[in-house]
């Protein structure tokens, strides 16, 4: 059968069909079934394969090999039997929307900037790679043009020109082609050689939404969604925005500005809190021993603030070193700092006695698996020996 005359090309909207089983062979993970005709699109051109059923068998994958289309099924089908095929239409139509949307975006970028589409993948999102630079503003302008083409509901034109006619046509293609070339045209946007399935009119795409742009191998990579996927993503974004607006007590659409204000307020509050903590430790230092090792427990102190606290204790006090801890009984995070002296021997000795672990250079930081009483006792005894 002519590859360009297969059922998924003759009628890309065909959902059910009947065909004869020509062969069925055991394969890894199932059976490979060849049919007299098929509406199942085999993976190719960046578009995933169709899924569905053949009789009682599930179609798990579809590939073209050595001129044959192989349907990977979960059970065997008798050769010579006529079977009813049904494709997963939701999956197929989604692929048609994504692939057609990608063509329009790629075609408009080619027309506007002269860049080639050098990579296309239809996964959870559609990724398209181009061999030239672009800004996000450029990409959004292309998105606007693409949606204008979609909303004008232009008819898709698919042809297989003769070699002579093809030689006079300017079209996009990633490689030199021989034999029958199938051209897919979205008038005013794109003309490209393609083996995929596409919508009959651009309005069926619904809309395209570009998600991101990043530098990639000397060009850029775009991520996009079309049709039902684009709507689902916009629903998610709206739900997130609505939830954020409700939490911030502002109208929907104003959450971003409110969040910036909250962030600025939180940053100012953190600065104020940091200053108050420093003042607290300066006062605390006056209540601690004036010599030897000063030990202080602060239950609700964030571990990242231990160093600032210890520095303030040493700044305001006269002790040779300080041990500042936070946490709960039996599980304390600590920092041990000295005033111009090496406290690592003391830290090592305390770790050994208190089932601790930790280390460092100018300060020793770690954890003790011990009670407050045991820590105070060990600190007093070992400080007399090692400070």
Protein backbone atom coordinates (compact mmCIF):
# COMPACT_ATOMS: atom_id res chain seq x y z
CA UNK A 1 0.00 0.00 0.00
CA UNK A 2 1.21 3.52 -0.87
CA UNK A 3 2.52 5.04 2.37
CA UNK A 4 0.79 8.32 1.56
CA UNK A 5 -2.54 6.50 1.04
CA UNK A 6 -2.85 4.95 4.49
CA UNK A 7 -6.11 5.47 6.34
CA UNK A 8 -4.71 7.90 8.91
CA UNK A 9 -3.71 10.10 5.94
CA UNK A 10 -6.86 9.55 3.88
CA UNK A 11 -9.06 10.39 6.84
CA UNK A 12 -7.21 11.71 9.91
CA UNK A 13 -10.60 11.99 11.67
CA UNK A 14 -11.33 8.27 11.34
CA UNK A 15 -11.81 6.83 14.83
CA UNK A 16 -12.95 3.27 14.06
CA UNK A 17 -12.24 0.95 11.12
CA UNK A 18 -12.05 -2.72 10.14
CA UNK A 19 -9.04 -4.44 8.61
CA UNK A 20 -7.60 -7.88 8.02
CA UNK A 21 -4.79 -9.18 10.22
CA UNK A 22 -1.97 -9.98 7.77
CA UNK A 23 0.51 -11.24 10.39
CA UNK A 24 1.07 -11.45 14.13
CA UNK A 25 4.51 -12.13 15.61
CA UNK A 26 5.71 -12.38 19.22
CA UNK A 27 7.78 -9.37 20.23
CA UNK A 28 9.30 -7.92 23.36
CA UNK A 29 6.48 -6.75 25.60
CA UNK A 30 3.68 -8.05 23.37
CA UNK A 31 2.92 -8.93 19.75
CA UNK A 32 3.56 -7.07 16.50
CA UNK A 33 0.45 -7.03 14.31
CA UNK A 34 0.38 -5.99 10.65
CA UNK A 35 -2.99 -4.97 9.13
CA UNK A 36 -4.27 -4.59 5.59
CA UNK A 37 -4.97 -0.91 6.40
CA UNK A 38 -4.85 1.18 9.54
CA UNK A 39 -6.02 4.41 11.14
CA UNK A 40 -3.27 4.11 13.79
CA UNK A 41 -0.56 6.71 13.26
CA UNK A 42 2.96 5.27 13.71
CA UNK A 43 5.42 7.36 15.73
CA UNK A 44 7.36 9.70 13.48
CA UNK A 45 8.22 13.29 12.68
CA UNK A 46 8.22 14.21 16.36
CA UNK A 47 4.63 13.00 16.83
CA UNK A 48 3.94 10.07 19.20
CA UNK A 49 2.07 6.98 18.04
CA UNK A 50 -1.66 6.45 18.45
CA UNK A 51 -3.00 4.10 21.11
CA UNK A 52 -6.32 2.26 21.20
CA UNK A 53 -7.72 -1.23 20.62
CA UNK A 54 -7.82 -3.93 17.96
CA UNK A 55 -10.69 -6.22 18.89
CA UNK A 56 -10.00 -7.33 22.46
CA UNK A 57 -6.31 -6.36 22.23
CA UNK A 58 -4.90 -3.07 23.47
CA UNK A 59 -2.59 -1.22 21.08
CA UNK A 60 0.38 -0.11 23.16
CA UNK A 61 2.57 1.43 20.45
CA UNK A 62 2.80 1.77 16.67
CA UNK A 63 5.97 1.96 14.55
CA UNK A 64 6.87 1.82 10.87
CA UNK A 65 9.66 -0.67 10.11
CA UNK A 66 10.90 -1.95 6.76
CA UNK A 67 7.87 -0.52 5.03
CA UNK A 68 5.36 -2.13 7.39
CA UNK A 69 3.33 -0.58 10.20
CA UNK A 70 3.67 -2.70 13.34
CA UNK A 71 0.98 -2.44 16.01
CA UNK A 72 2.38 -3.58 19.37
CA UNK A 73 -0.54 -5.29 21.16
CA UNK A 74 -0.92 -6.87 24.58
CA UNK A 75 -2.27 -10.15 23.13
CA UNK A 76 -2.06 -12.04 19.82
CA UNK A 77 -4.55 -11.72 16.97
CA UNK A 78 -5.11 -14.61 14.50
CA UNK A 79 -3.78 -13.97 10.98
CA UNK A 80 -6.59 -13.79 8.44
CA UNK A 81 -9.10 -12.50 10.97
CA UNK A 82 -10.98 -9.23 10.39
CA UNK A 83 -10.72 -6.96 13.41
CA UNK A 84 -12.31 -3.71 14.44
CA UNK A 85 -9.83 -0.99 15.35
CA UNK A 86 -10.57 2.00 17.54
CA UNK A 87 -8.04 4.72 18.20
CA UNK A 88 -7.85 6.74 21.38
CA UNK A 89 -9.36 9.87 19.84
CA UNK A 90 -8.63 12.14 22.78
CA UNK A 91 -4.93 11.31 22.44
CA UNK A 92 -4.95 11.62 18.63
CA UNK A 93 -6.79 14.93 18.52
CA UNK A 94 -4.49 16.33 21.20
CA UNK A 95 -1.48 15.39 19.03
CA UNK A 96 -3.15 17.03 16.01
CA UNK A 97 -3.68 20.24 17.98
CA UNK A 98 -0.11 20.33 19.32
CA UNK A 99 1.51 19.43 15.99
CA UNK A 100 -0.57 21.89 13.97
CA UNK A 101 0.06 24.65 16.52
CA UNK A 102 3.78 23.94 16.35
CA UNK A 103 3.72 24.26 12.55
CA UNK A 104 2.10 27.68 12.70
CA UNK A 105 4.55 28.96 15.32
CA UNK A 106 7.57 27.51 13.48
CA UNK A 107 6.37 28.84 10.14
CA UNK A 108 5.85 32.35 11.46
CA UNK A 109 9.29 32.37 13.11
CA UNK A 110 10.83 31.21 9.83
CA UNK A 111 8.99 33.94 7.90
CA UNK A 112 9.83 36.65 10.46
CA UNK A 113 13.44 35.82 11.37
CA UNK A 114 14.54 33.26 8.77
CA UNK A 115 15.34 30.69 11.47
CA UNK A 116 14.98 26.95 10.92
CA UNK A 117 13.19 24.58 13.24
CA UNK A 118 16.03 22.17 14.08
CA UNK A 119 14.26 20.14 16.75
CA UNK A 120 10.70 19.25 17.70
CA UNK A 121 9.44 17.03 20.50
CA UNK A 122 5.86 16.43 21.53
CA UNK A 123 5.97 15.32 25.17
CA UNK A 124 4.21 16.72 28.22
CA UNK A 125 4.92 20.08 26.60
CA UNK A 126 5.90 20.83 23.02
CA UNK A 127 9.54 21.88 22.65
CA UNK A 128 10.82 23.55 19.48
CA UNK A 129 14.46 24.41 18.83
CA UNK A 130 15.50 27.23 16.47
CA UNK A 131 18.95 28.10 15.15
CA UNK A 132 18.90 31.79 15.98
CA UNK A 133 18.42 34.24 18.88
CA UNK A 134 15.10 35.61 20.03
CA UNK A 135 13.77 37.65 22.92
CA UNK A 136 10.70 36.85 25.00
CA UNK A 137 9.03 39.92 23.49
CA UNK A 138 9.74 38.49 20.01
CA UNK A 139 8.21 35.17 21.07
CA UNK A 140 5.06 36.81 22.43
CA UNK A 141 4.64 38.73 19.17
CA UNK A 142 4.80 35.40 17.30
CA UNK A 143 2.25 33.93 19.73
CA UNK A 144 -0.15 36.78 18.97
CA UNK A 145 0.26 36.28 15.21
CA UNK A 146 -0.21 32.52 15.55
CA UNK A 147 -3.46 32.94 17.43
CA UNK A 148 -4.74 35.38 14.79
CA UNK A 149 -4.15 32.66 12.18
CA UNK A 150 -5.92 30.13 14.38
CA UNK A 151 -8.96 32.33 15.03
CA UNK A 152 -9.34 33.10 11.33
CA UNK A 153 -10.11 29.37 10.98
CA UNK A 154 -8.10 28.92 7.79
CA UNK A 155 -8.35 25.63 5.94
CA UNK A 156 -5.35 23.31 6.11
CA UNK A 157 -4.04 22.31 2.66
CA UNK A 158 -2.25 18.96 2.25
CA UNK A 159 -0.72 18.02 -1.10
CA UNK A 160 1.81 15.61 -2.61
CA UNK A 161 3.22 17.55 -5.59
CA UNK A 162 5.00 15.89 -8.48
CA UNK A 163 8.81 16.10 -8.39
CA UNK A 164 8.72 18.73 -11.14
CA UNK A 165 6.16 20.88 -9.31
CA UNK A 166 7.98 20.39 -6.01
CA UNK A 167 11.18 21.80 -7.47
CA UNK A 168 9.47 25.18 -7.86
CA UNK A 169 7.95 25.29 -4.37
CA UNK A 170 9.67 26.90 -1.38
CA UNK A 171 8.88 24.89 1.75
CA UNK A 172 10.40 24.11 5.13
CA UNK A 173 12.14 20.78 5.66
CA UNK A 174 14.75 19.54 8.12
CA UNK A 175 16.45 17.33 5.49
CA UNK A 176 16.72 16.61 1.78
CA UNK A 177 13.75 14.49 0.71
CA UNK A 178 13.31 11.95 -2.08
CA UNK A 179 10.25 10.14 -3.40
CA UNK A 180 6.78 11.38 -2.60
CA UNK A 181 6.88 14.52 -0.46
CA UNK A 182 3.81 15.43 1.59
CA UNK A 183 3.39 19.17 2.10
CA UNK A 184 1.22 20.60 4.88
CA UNK A 185 0.21 24.23 4.44
CA UNK A 186 -1.40 26.61 6.91
CA UNK A 187 -2.07 29.52 4.55
CA UNK A 188 -0.35 32.72 5.56
CA UNK A 189 1.73 30.96 8.22
CA UNK A 190 3.57 27.85 7.07
CA UNK A 191 4.33 25.40 4.27
CA UNK A 192 6.31 22.41 5.48
CA UNK A 193 7.10 18.83 4.51
CA UNK A 194 5.50 16.67 7.21
CA UNK A 195 4.34 13.12 7.80
CA UNK A 196 2.13 13.91 10.81
CA UNK A 197 -1.62 14.25 11.27
CA UNK A 198 -3.17 17.71 11.40
CA UNK A 199 -6.45 19.52 11.98
CA UNK A 200 -8.61 20.33 8.94
CA UNK A 201 -9.00 23.98 9.92
CA UNK A 202 -6.84 26.13 12.17
CA UNK A 203 -9.77 27.02 14.42
CA UNK A 204 -9.70 23.46 15.78
CA UNK A 205 -6.37 24.23 17.43
CA UNK A 206 -8.19 26.64 19.73
CA UNK A 207 -5.13 28.63 20.78
CA UNK A 208 -1.40 28.34 21.37
CA UNK A 209 0.36 29.48 24.54
CA UNK A 210 4.13 29.88 24.74
CA UNK A 211 5.45 28.89 28.16
CA UNK A 212 9.17 29.64 28.11
CA UNK A 213 12.16 30.61 26.02
CA UNK A 214 15.75 29.62 26.79
CA UNK A 215 19.10 29.77 25.04
CA UNK A 216 19.96 26.42 23.47
CA UNK A 217 22.97 25.43 21.36
CA UNK A 218 23.50 28.83 19.82
CA UNK A 219 19.78 29.37 19.25
CA UNK A 220 16.70 29.16 21.41
CA UNK A 221 14.28 26.54 22.68
CA UNK A 222 10.58 27.37 23.00
CA UNK A 223 8.09 25.48 25.12
CA UNK A 224 4.44 25.72 24.12
CA UNK A 225 1.01 24.15 24.50
CA UNK A 226 -2.00 24.22 22.21
CA UNK A 227 -5.69 23.40 22.33
CA UNK A 228 -7.02 21.46 25.29
CA UNK A 229 -3.59 21.36 26.95
CA UNK A 230 -3.24 25.14 26.76
CA UNK A 231 -6.69 25.55 28.32
CA UNK A 232 -5.84 23.09 31.11
CA UNK A 233 -2.62 24.98 31.89
CA UNK A 234 -4.43 28.33 31.94
CA UNK A 235 -7.03 26.82 34.29
CA UNK A 236 -4.21 25.74 36.62
CA UNK A 237 -2.65 29.21 36.50
CA UNK A 238 -6.00 30.86 37.19
CA UNK A 239 -6.69 28.53 40.12
CA UNK A 240 -3.25 29.31 41.56
CA UNK A 241 -3.79 33.04 41.09
CA UNK A 242 -7.25 32.86 42.67
CA UNK A 243 -5.90 30.94 45.67
CA UNK A 244 -3.02 33.40 46.08
CA UNK A 245 -5.37 36.38 45.79
CA UNK A 246 -7.68 34.91 48.41
CA UNK A 247 -4.76 34.29 50.78
CA UNK A 248 -3.52 37.85 50.27
CA UNK A 249 -7.03 39.36 50.51
CA UNK A 250 -6.83 41.06 47.11
CA UNK A 251 -8.90 40.73 43.91
CA UNK A 252 -7.94 38.08 41.34
CA UNK A 253 -5.30 39.53 39.05
CA UNK A 254 -3.63 41.57 41.79
CA UNK A 255 -1.88 38.73 43.64
CA UNK A 256 1.52 39.37 42.00
CA UNK A 257 1.67 43.02 43.14
CA UNK A 258 0.43 42.05 46.59
CA UNK A 259 3.04 39.32 46.82
CA UNK A 260 5.81 41.80 45.97
CA UNK A 261 4.59 44.05 48.79
CA UNK A 262 4.47 41.08 51.18
CA UNK A 263 7.99 40.07 50.17
CA UNK A 264 9.33 43.58 50.70
CA UNK A 265 7.62 43.74 54.09
CA UNK A 266 9.00 40.35 55.09
CA UNK A 267 12.53 41.40 54.09
CA UNK A 268 12.27 44.54 56.24
CA UNK A 269 10.92 42.45 59.13
CA UNK A 270 13.81 39.99 58.84
CA UNK A 271 16.30 42.85 59.04
CA UNK A 272 14.57 44.21 62.13
CA UNK A 273 14.42 40.77 63.74
CA UNK A 274 18.11 40.21 63.01
CA UNK A 275 18.98 43.49 64.70
CA UNK A 276 16.81 42.64 67.72
CA UNK A 277 18.42 39.20 68.03
CA UNK A 278 21.87 40.77 67.99
CA UNK A 279 20.85 43.20 70.74
CA UNK A 280 19.42 40.30 72.73
CA UNK A 281 22.70 38.37 72.57
CA UNK A 282 24.68 41.45 73.54
CA UNK A 283 22.53 41.68 76.69
CA UNK A 284 22.68 37.92 77.27
CA UNK A 285 26.48 38.04 77.22
CA UNK A 286 26.45 40.19 80.36
CA UNK A 287 24.72 37.38 82.29
CA UNK A 288 27.22 34.67 81.30
CA UNK A 289 30.56 33.78 82.93
CA UNK A 290 33.28 36.32 82.35
CA UNK A 291 36.00 33.68 81.90
CA UNK A 292 36.42 30.25 80.41
CA UNK A 293 33.53 28.90 78.30
CA UNK A 294 30.16 30.66 78.14
CA UNK A 295 27.30 28.23 77.46
CA UNK A 296 23.84 29.33 76.33
CA UNK A 297 20.75 27.38 75.19
CA UNK A 298 18.20 29.08 72.93
CA UNK A 299 15.28 26.74 72.15
CA UNK A 300 13.69 28.58 69.22
CA UNK A 301 16.80 29.90 67.49
CA UNK A 302 17.09 29.01 63.79
CA UNK A 303 20.26 26.93 63.20
CA UNK A 304 21.37 29.42 60.50
CA UNK A 305 21.45 32.17 63.16
CA UNK A 306 23.78 30.34 65.55
CA UNK A 307 26.91 31.97 64.16
CA UNK A 308 25.53 35.52 64.44
CA UNK A 309 24.48 34.79 68.02
CA UNK A 310 27.85 33.35 68.97
CA UNK A 311 29.68 36.31 67.43
CA UNK A 312 27.52 38.73 69.43
CA UNK A 313 28.17 36.79 72.66
CA UNK A 314 31.92 36.98 72.13
CA UNK A 315 31.73 40.64 71.15
CA UNK A 316 29.92 41.70 74.32
CA UNK A 317 31.35 39.23 76.83
CA UNK A 318 34.82 38.46 78.16
CA UNK A 319 34.76 34.65 78.05
CA UNK A 320 37.50 32.88 76.11
CA UNK A 321 34.96 30.93 74.07
CA UNK A 322 31.23 30.40 73.76
CA UNK A 323 29.00 27.41 73.10
CA UNK A 324 25.57 28.33 71.73
CA UNK A 325 22.94 25.61 71.24
CA UNK A 326 19.39 25.31 69.95
CA UNK A 327 16.99 22.40 69.67
CA UNK A 328 15.27 19.99 72.02
CA UNK A 329 16.40 17.74 74.83
CA UNK A 330 18.59 14.99 73.40
CA UNK A 331 19.00 16.65 70.01
CA UNK A 332 20.84 19.96 70.00
CA UNK A 333 22.48 21.86 67.14
CA UNK A 334 25.49 23.80 68.34
CA UNK A 335 28.28 26.18 67.42
CA UNK A 336 31.51 26.49 69.41
CA UNK A 337 33.57 29.65 68.80
CA UNK A 338 36.67 31.00 70.50
CA UNK A 339 38.07 34.46 71.05
CA UNK A 340 41.34 34.30 69.08
CA UNK A 341 41.98 30.66 69.95
CA UNK A 342 41.59 27.23 68.38
CA UNK A 343 38.52 25.50 69.83
CA UNK A 344 38.73 22.40 67.63
CA UNK A 345 40.33 20.20 70.35
CA UNK A 346 37.52 21.15 72.73
CA UNK A 347 34.91 20.45 70.03
CA UNK A 348 36.40 17.05 69.28
CA UNK A 349 36.46 16.08 72.94
CA UNK A 350 32.86 17.18 73.47
CA UNK A 351 31.70 15.24 70.40
CA UNK A 352 33.34 12.09 71.74
CA UNK A 353 31.76 12.45 75.16
CA UNK A 354 28.29 13.56 74.04
CA UNK A 355 27.71 11.29 70.99
CA UNK A 356 28.13 14.35 68.84
CA UNK A 357 29.30 15.02 65.34
CA UNK A 358 30.60 18.15 63.67
CA UNK A 359 33.67 20.08 62.65
CA UNK A 360 35.00 23.26 61.11
CA UNK A 361 37.97 25.61 60.98
CA UNK A 362 37.35 28.94 62.66
CA UNK A 363 34.37 27.46 64.53
CA UNK A 364 33.05 23.97 65.29
CA UNK A 365 29.45 23.28 64.27
CA UNK A 366 27.43 20.09 64.67
CA UNK A 367 24.95 18.18 66.83
CA UNK A 368 24.90 16.62 70.29
CA UNK A 369 22.66 13.65 71.12
CA UNK A 370 22.66 14.51 74.85
CA UNK A 371 20.68 16.27 77.55
CA UNK A 372 21.22 19.89 78.58
CA UNK A 373 22.57 18.79 81.96
CA UNK A 374 25.12 16.43 80.38
CA UNK A 375 26.21 19.12 77.93
CA UNK A 376 26.72 21.71 80.67
CA UNK A 377 28.67 19.21 82.79
CA UNK A 378 30.91 18.12 79.90
CA UNK A 379 31.48 21.72 78.81
CA UNK A 380 32.59 22.75 82.29
CA UNK A 381 34.95 19.79 82.77
CA UNK A 382 36.51 19.83 79.31
CA UNK A 383 36.87 23.61 79.15
CA UNK A 384 39.04 23.55 82.27
CA UNK A 385 41.34 21.07 80.54
CA UNK A 386 41.42 22.43 76.98
CA UNK A 387 40.90 26.20 77.16
